[in-house]
Amino acid sequence: MKNRIVNRGNLLISEPFLGDPNFERSVVLICEHHNSYGSFGLVLNQTSNLVLADVLEENVYPDVPLFIGGPVQQNTLHFVHRRPDLIDGGQELLKGVVWGGNFEQVKRLLNNGVLHPEDIRCFLGYSGWSGGQLKDELEKDSWIVASATSEIVFDTPSDSFWRTVLKGMGGDFKVMANYPTDPRLN
């Protein structure tokens, strides 16, 4: 039986044949979850061809890749990081993963070389569910709920993220990780 309980800091892994192009083979980090009010998350493995400096008016020197956090409000910028010792504010999602914080500090620390690009993930847009929507999707087996670690969030290459997380869960999930993208081509 699949886990259908979602908490802040969990991962949502899309089923192999979800059928929604916004979330095909996606892994979403849940940042906020209230069944009655809705949920907010960031897709960890949808890359863009942009870097942080492309969307800011001021210069940010290191190339920090931008990910597509989801289909909602792609004109907004969000971030998670693993350096609460350097960045004030934010909400701890799990040990070593903080959502948000003082973005002025982030820019300054990046430019000073104190904060490294591998310690932060920046996103355009987000993934959102209205009250009860995510619960319904879980009941329809659209998502697999998994635990996360800082290493999974920051150190897993985006092109193999979905497969890596499923393989790490073992059992039937390890088999699922090898499903073809389009079974008709098999």
C-alpha atoms as a PDB file:
ATOM      1  CA  MET A   1       0.000   0.000   0.000  1.00  0.00           C
ATOM      2  CA  LYS A   2       1.320   3.398  -0.942  1.00  0.00           C
ATOM      3  CA  ASN A   3       1.780   6.151   1.595  1.00  0.00           C
ATOM      4  CA  ARG A   4      -0.892   8.803   1.062  1.00  0.00           C
ATOM      5  CA  ILE A   5       0.065  11.045   3.966  1.00  0.00           C
ATOM      6  CA  VAL A   6       1.900  14.189   2.890  1.00  0.00           C
ATOM      7  CA  ASN A   7       3.935  16.448   5.139  1.00  0.00           C
ATOM      8  CA  ARG A   8       6.132  19.449   4.579  1.00  0.00           C
ATOM      9  CA  GLY A   9       9.512  18.254   3.334  1.00  0.00           C
ATOM     10  CA  ASN A  10       8.146  15.149   1.589  1.00  0.00           C
ATOM     11  CA  LEU A  11       8.703  14.382  -2.056  1.00  0.00           C
ATOM     12  CA  LEU A  12       5.892  13.714  -4.492  1.00  0.00           C
ATOM     13  CA  ILE A  13       7.063  11.447  -7.289  1.00  0.00           C
ATOM     14  CA  SER A  14       4.825  11.358 -10.333  1.00  0.00           C
ATOM     15  CA  GLU A  15       3.527   7.987 -11.424  1.00  0.00           C
ATOM     16  CA  PRO A  16       5.268   6.826 -14.627  1.00  0.00           C
ATOM     17  CA  PHE A  17       2.193   7.376 -16.804  1.00  0.00           C
ATOM     18  CA  LEU A  18       0.678  10.425 -15.082  1.00  0.00           C
ATOM     19  CA  GLY A  19      -0.298  12.004 -18.397  1.00  0.00           C
ATOM     20  CA  ASP A  20       0.157  15.625 -17.289  1.00  0.00           C
ATOM     21  CA  PRO A  21       3.008  17.229 -19.269  1.00  0.00           C
ATOM     22  CA  ASN A  22       3.618  19.698 -16.415  1.00  0.00           C
ATOM     23  CA  PHE A  23       4.549  16.837 -14.106  1.00  0.00           C
ATOM     24  CA  GLU A  24       5.772  14.024 -16.339  1.00  0.00           C
ATOM     25  CA  ARG A  25       8.474  12.124 -14.415  1.00  0.00           C
ATOM     26  CA  SER A  26       8.617  14.951 -11.869  1.00  0.00           C
ATOM     27  CA  VAL A  27       9.768  15.030  -8.286  1.00  0.00           C
ATOM     28  CA  VAL A  28       8.126  17.790  -6.228  1.00  0.00           C
ATOM     29  CA  LEU A  29       9.385  19.015  -2.862  1.00  0.00           C
ATOM     30  CA  ILE A  30       6.389  19.885  -0.662  1.00  0.00           C
ATOM     31  CA  CYS A  31       6.972  23.234   1.065  1.00  0.00           C
ATOM     32  CA  GLU A  32       3.496  23.748   2.516  1.00  0.00           C
ATOM     33  CA  HIS A  33       0.597  21.334   2.924  1.00  0.00           C
ATOM     34  CA  HIS A  34      -2.847  21.738   4.454  1.00  0.00           C
ATOM     35  CA  ASN A  35      -5.535  19.410   3.108  1.00  0.00           C
ATOM     36  CA  SER A  36      -8.286  21.986   3.536  1.00  0.00           C
ATOM     37  CA  TYR A  37      -6.308  25.051   2.340  1.00  0.00           C
ATOM     38  CA  GLY A  38      -4.096  23.554  -0.331  1.00  0.00           C
ATOM     39  CA  SER A  39      -0.482  22.702  -0.991  1.00  0.00           C
ATOM     40  CA  PHE A  40       2.617  24.383  -2.395  1.00  0.00           C
ATOM     41  CA  GLY A  41       5.656  22.637  -3.848  1.00  0.00           C
ATOM     42  CA  LEU A  42       8.651  23.020  -6.147  1.00  0.00           C
ATOM     43  CA  VAL A  43       9.572  20.630  -8.958  1.00  0.00           C
ATOM     44  CA  LEU A  44      13.190  19.633  -8.333  1.00  0.00           C
ATOM     45  CA  ASN A  45      14.021  18.132 -11.715  1.00  0.00           C
ATOM     46  CA  GLN A  46      12.653  20.436 -14.419  1.00  0.00           C
ATOM     47  CA  THR A  47      15.555  22.514 -15.644  1.00  0.00           C
ATOM     48  CA  SER A  48      15.329  25.700 -17.659  1.00  0.00           C
ATOM     49  CA  ASN A  49      17.932  27.204 -19.971  1.00  0.00           C
ATOM     50  CA  LEU A  50      18.283  30.222 -17.677  1.00  0.00           C
ATOM     51  CA  VAL A  51      20.544  31.132 -14.782  1.00  0.00           C
ATOM     52  CA  LEU A  52      19.707  33.406 -11.859  1.00  0.00           C
ATOM     53  CA  ALA A  53      21.498  36.399 -13.394  1.00  0.00           C
ATOM     54  CA  ASP A  54      19.148  36.214 -16.405  1.00  0.00           C
ATOM     55  CA  VAL A  55      16.125  37.214 -14.308  1.00  0.00           C
ATOM     56  CA  LEU A  56      17.640  39.795 -11.939  1.00  0.00           C
ATOM     57  CA  GLU A  57      18.347  43.443 -12.665  1.00  0.00           C
ATOM     58  CA  GLU A  58      21.503  43.414 -10.547  1.00  0.00           C
ATOM     59  CA  ASN A  59      24.520  41.225 -11.258  1.00  0.00           C
ATOM     60  CA  VAL A  60      24.915  37.812  -9.711  1.00  0.00           C
ATOM     61  CA  TYR A  61      28.232  36.419 -10.832  1.00  0.00           C
ATOM     62  CA  PRO A  62      28.117  32.655 -10.312  1.00  0.00           C
ATOM     63  CA  ASP A  63      25.935  30.722 -12.716  1.00  0.00           C
ATOM     64  CA  VAL A  64      23.095  29.447 -10.532  1.00  0.00           C
ATOM     65  CA  PRO A  65      20.742  27.357 -12.693  1.00  0.00           C
ATOM     66  CA  LEU A  66      17.033  28.111 -12.629  1.00  0.00           C
ATOM     67  CA  PHE A  67      14.549  25.266 -12.395  1.00  0.00           C
ATOM     68  CA  ILE A  68      10.883  25.352 -13.332  1.00  0.00           C
ATOM     69  CA  GLY A  69       9.159  25.018  -9.965  1.00  0.00           C
ATOM     70  CA  GLY A  70       5.817  24.309 -11.592  1.00  0.00           C
ATOM     71  CA  PRO A  71       3.209  25.727 -13.917  1.00  0.00           C
ATOM     72  CA  VAL A  72       1.836  28.377 -11.515  1.00  0.00           C
ATOM     73  CA  GLN A  73       3.055  32.016 -11.623  1.00  0.00           C
ATOM     74  CA  GLN A  74       6.243  31.422 -13.562  1.00  0.00           C
ATOM     75  CA  ASN A  75       7.072  35.097 -13.115  1.00  0.00           C
ATOM     76  CA  THR A  76       7.864  34.458  -9.431  1.00  0.00           C
ATOM     77  CA  LEU A  77      11.203  33.364  -7.979  1.00  0.00           C
ATOM     78  CA  HIS A  78      11.531  30.844  -5.130  1.00  0.00           C
ATOM     79  CA  PHE A  79      14.500  29.098  -3.563  1.00  0.00           C
ATOM     80  CA  VAL A  80      15.571  26.374  -1.175  1.00  0.00           C
ATOM     81  CA  HIS A  81      19.019  26.156   0.378  1.00  0.00           C
ATOM     82  CA  ARG A  82      21.091  24.168   2.826  1.00  0.00           C
ATOM     83  CA  ARG A  83      22.902  27.044   4.518  1.00  0.00           C
ATOM     84  CA  PRO A  84      20.735  28.356   7.382  1.00  0.00           C
ATOM     85  CA  ASP A  85      24.016  29.255   9.096  1.00  0.00           C
ATOM     86  CA  LEU A  86      24.504  31.945   6.404  1.00  0.00           C
ATOM     87  CA  ILE A  87      20.990  32.960   5.331  1.00  0.00           C
ATOM     88  CA  ASP A  88      18.506  34.493   7.767  1.00  0.00           C
ATOM     89  CA  GLY A  89      14.827  33.644   7.723  1.00  0.00           C
ATOM     90  CA  GLY A  90      13.195  30.877   5.769  1.00  0.00           C
ATOM     91  CA  GLN A  91      11.361  27.794   6.942  1.00  0.00           C
ATOM     92  CA  GLU A  92      13.094  24.519   7.645  1.00  0.00           C
ATOM     93  CA  LEU A  93      11.388  21.796   5.597  1.00  0.00           C
ATOM     94  CA  LEU A  94      13.643  19.023   6.864  1.00  0.00           C
ATOM     95  CA  LYS A  95      17.150  18.779   8.285  1.00  0.00           C
ATOM     96  CA  GLY A  96      19.430  20.640   5.895  1.00  0.00           C
ATOM     97  CA  VAL A  97      16.680  22.004   3.599  1.00  0.00           C
ATOM     98  CA  VAL A  98      15.312  25.515   4.133  1.00  0.00           C
ATOM     99  CA  TRP A  99      12.675  27.195   1.982  1.00  0.00           C
ATOM    100  CA  GLY A 100      13.224  30.915   1.393  1.00  0.00           C
ATOM    101  CA  GLY A 101      15.021  33.455   3.503  1.00  0.00           C
ATOM    102  CA  ASN A 102      16.750  36.793   3.028  1.00  0.00           C
ATOM    103  CA  PHE A 103      17.338  37.016  -0.719  1.00  0.00           C
ATOM    104  CA  GLU A 104      19.544  40.124  -0.423  1.00  0.00           C
ATOM    105  CA  GLN A 105      21.901  38.017   1.692  1.00  0.00           C
ATOM    106  CA  VAL A 106      21.755  35.232  -0.907  1.00  0.00           C
ATOM    107  CA  LYS A 107      22.868  37.571  -3.707  1.00  0.00           C
ATOM    108  CA  ARG A 108      25.647  39.085  -1.620  1.00  0.00           C
ATOM    109  CA  LEU A 109      26.900  35.683  -0.423  1.00  0.00           C
ATOM    110  CA  LEU A 110      26.877  34.274  -3.963  1.00  0.00           C
ATOM    111  CA  ASN A 111      28.863  37.237  -5.279  1.00  0.00           C
ATOM    112  CA  ASN A 112      31.362  36.988  -2.393  1.00  0.00           C
ATOM    113  CA  GLY A 113      31.884  33.276  -3.060  1.00  0.00           C
ATOM    114  CA  VAL A 114      30.678  32.316   0.411  1.00  0.00           C
ATOM    115  CA  LEU A 115      27.463  30.663  -0.825  1.00  0.00           C
ATOM    116  CA  HIS A 116      28.095  28.110  -3.548  1.00  0.00           C
ATOM    117  CA  PRO A 117      25.645  27.305  -6.381  1.00  0.00           C
ATOM    118  CA  GLU A 118      25.403  23.682  -5.196  1.00  0.00           C
ATOM    119  CA  ASP A 119      23.973  24.899  -1.853  1.00  0.00           C
ATOM    120  CA  ILE A 120      20.913  26.570  -3.371  1.00  0.00           C
ATOM    121  CA  ARG A 121      18.205  25.711  -5.887  1.00  0.00           C
ATOM    122  CA  CYS A 122      16.260  28.545  -7.488  1.00  0.00           C
ATOM    123  CA  PHE A 123      12.896  28.147  -9.211  1.00  0.00           C
ATOM    124  CA  LEU A 124      10.631  30.063 -11.530  1.00  0.00           C
ATOM    125  CA  GLY A 125       7.016  29.411 -10.586  1.00  0.00           C
ATOM    126  CA  TYR A 126       5.649  26.742  -8.320  1.00  0.00           C
ATOM    127  CA  SER A 127       3.288  23.797  -8.107  1.00  0.00           C
ATOM    128  CA  GLY A 128       0.017  24.416  -6.324  1.00  0.00           C
ATOM    129  CA  TRP A 129      -3.018  22.417  -5.312  1.00  0.00           C
ATOM    130  CA  SER A 130      -6.291  23.812  -4.001  1.00  0.00           C
ATOM    131  CA  GLY A 131      -7.850  22.445  -0.817  1.00  0.00           C
ATOM    132  CA  GLY A 132      -8.450  18.701  -1.164  1.00  0.00           C
ATOM    133  CA  GLN A 133      -7.004  18.512  -4.688  1.00  0.00           C
ATOM    134  CA  LEU A 134      -3.757  16.786  -3.700  1.00  0.00           C
ATOM    135  CA  LYS A 135      -5.676  14.326  -1.487  1.00  0.00           C
ATOM    136  CA  ASP A 136      -7.833  13.421  -4.498  1.00  0.00           C
ATOM    137  CA  GLU A 137      -4.763  12.963  -6.705  1.00  0.00           C
ATOM    138  CA  LEU A 138      -3.147  10.715  -4.086  1.00  0.00           C
ATOM    139  CA  GLU A 139      -6.281   8.594  -3.877  1.00  0.00           C
ATOM    140  CA  LYS A 140      -6.134   8.196  -7.676  1.00  0.00           C
ATOM    141  CA  ASP A 141      -2.500   7.022  -7.343  1.00  0.00           C
ATOM    142  CA  SER A 142      -1.128   9.942  -9.364  1.00  0.00           C
ATOM    143  CA  TRP A 143       1.711  10.471  -6.888  1.00  0.00           C
ATOM    144  CA  ILE A 144       4.058   8.432  -4.739  1.00  0.00           C
ATOM    145  CA  VAL A 145       4.987  10.025  -1.402  1.00  0.00           C
ATOM    146  CA  ALA A 146       8.604   9.648  -0.298  1.00  0.00           C
ATOM    147  CA  SER A 147      10.938  11.003   2.338  1.00  0.00           C
ATOM    148  CA  ALA A 148      13.656  13.444   1.363  1.00  0.00           C
ATOM    149  CA  THR A 149      17.134  14.281   2.578  1.00  0.00           C
ATOM    150  CA  SER A 150      19.322  17.281   1.937  1.00  0.00           C
ATOM    151  CA  GLU A 151      21.564  15.099  -0.218  1.00  0.00           C
ATOM    152  CA  ILE A 152      18.645  13.996  -2.415  1.00  0.00           C
ATOM    153  CA  VAL A 153      17.414  17.581  -2.859  1.00  0.00           C
ATOM    154  CA  PHE A 154      20.765  19.193  -3.648  1.00  0.00           C
ATOM    155  CA  ASP A 155      23.068  16.463  -4.953  1.00  0.00           C
ATOM    156  CA  THR A 156      20.878  14.408  -7.297  1.00  0.00           C
ATOM    157  CA  PRO A 157      21.403  15.268 -10.988  1.00  0.00           C
ATOM    158  CA  SER A 158      18.161  16.581 -12.470  1.00  0.00           C
ATOM    159  CA  ASP A 159      18.306  14.344 -15.557  1.00  0.00           C
ATOM    160  CA  SER A 160      18.216  11.180 -13.422  1.00  0.00           C
ATOM    161  CA  PHE A 161      16.323  12.536 -10.384  1.00  0.00           C
ATOM    162  CA  TRP A 162      13.039  10.642 -10.891  1.00  0.00           C
ATOM    163  CA  ARG A 163      14.745   7.292 -11.469  1.00  0.00           C
ATOM    164  CA  THR A 164      17.293   7.777  -8.679  1.00  0.00           C
ATOM    165  CA  VAL A 165      14.637   8.513  -6.054  1.00  0.00           C
ATOM    166  CA  LEU A 166      12.489   5.545  -7.088  1.00  0.00           C
ATOM    167  CA  LYS A 167      15.471   3.173  -7.161  1.00  0.00           C
ATOM    168  CA  GLY A 168      16.456   4.346  -3.692  1.00  0.00           C
ATOM    169  CA  MET A 169      13.008   3.363  -2.390  1.00  0.00           C
ATOM    170  CA  GLY A 170      13.651  -0.276  -3.401  1.00  0.00           C
ATOM    171  CA  GLY A 171      11.132  -3.050  -4.041  1.00  0.00           C
ATOM    172  CA  ASP A 172       8.458  -2.401  -6.650  1.00  0.00           C
ATOM    173  CA  PHE A 173       9.595   1.213  -6.911  1.00  0.00           C
ATOM    174  CA  LYS A 174      13.017   0.080  -8.116  1.00  0.00           C
ATOM    175  CA  VAL A 175      11.274  -1.830 -10.912  1.00  0.00           C
ATOM    176  CA  MET A 176       9.050   1.180 -11.676  1.00  0.00           C
ATOM    177  CA  ALA A 177      12.163   3.347 -12.132  1.00  0.00           C
ATOM    178  CA  ASN A 178      12.947   1.369 -15.285  1.00  0.00           C
ATOM    179  CA  TYR A 179       9.542   1.795 -16.939  1.00  0.00           C
ATOM    180  CA  PRO A 180       9.902   3.277 -20.427  1.00  0.00           C
ATOM    181  CA  THR A 181       8.645   6.816 -20.962  1.00  0.00           C
ATOM    182  CA  ASP A 182       6.368   5.594 -23.751  1.00  0.00           C
ATOM    183  CA  PRO A 183       5.517   1.884 -23.434  1.00  0.00           C
ATOM    184  CA  ARG A 184       4.222   1.828 -27.031  1.00  0.00           C
ATOM    185  CA  LEU A 185       7.808   2.225 -28.179  1.00  0.00           C
ATOM    186  CA  ASN A 186       8.895  -0.909 -26.329  1.00  0.00           C
END
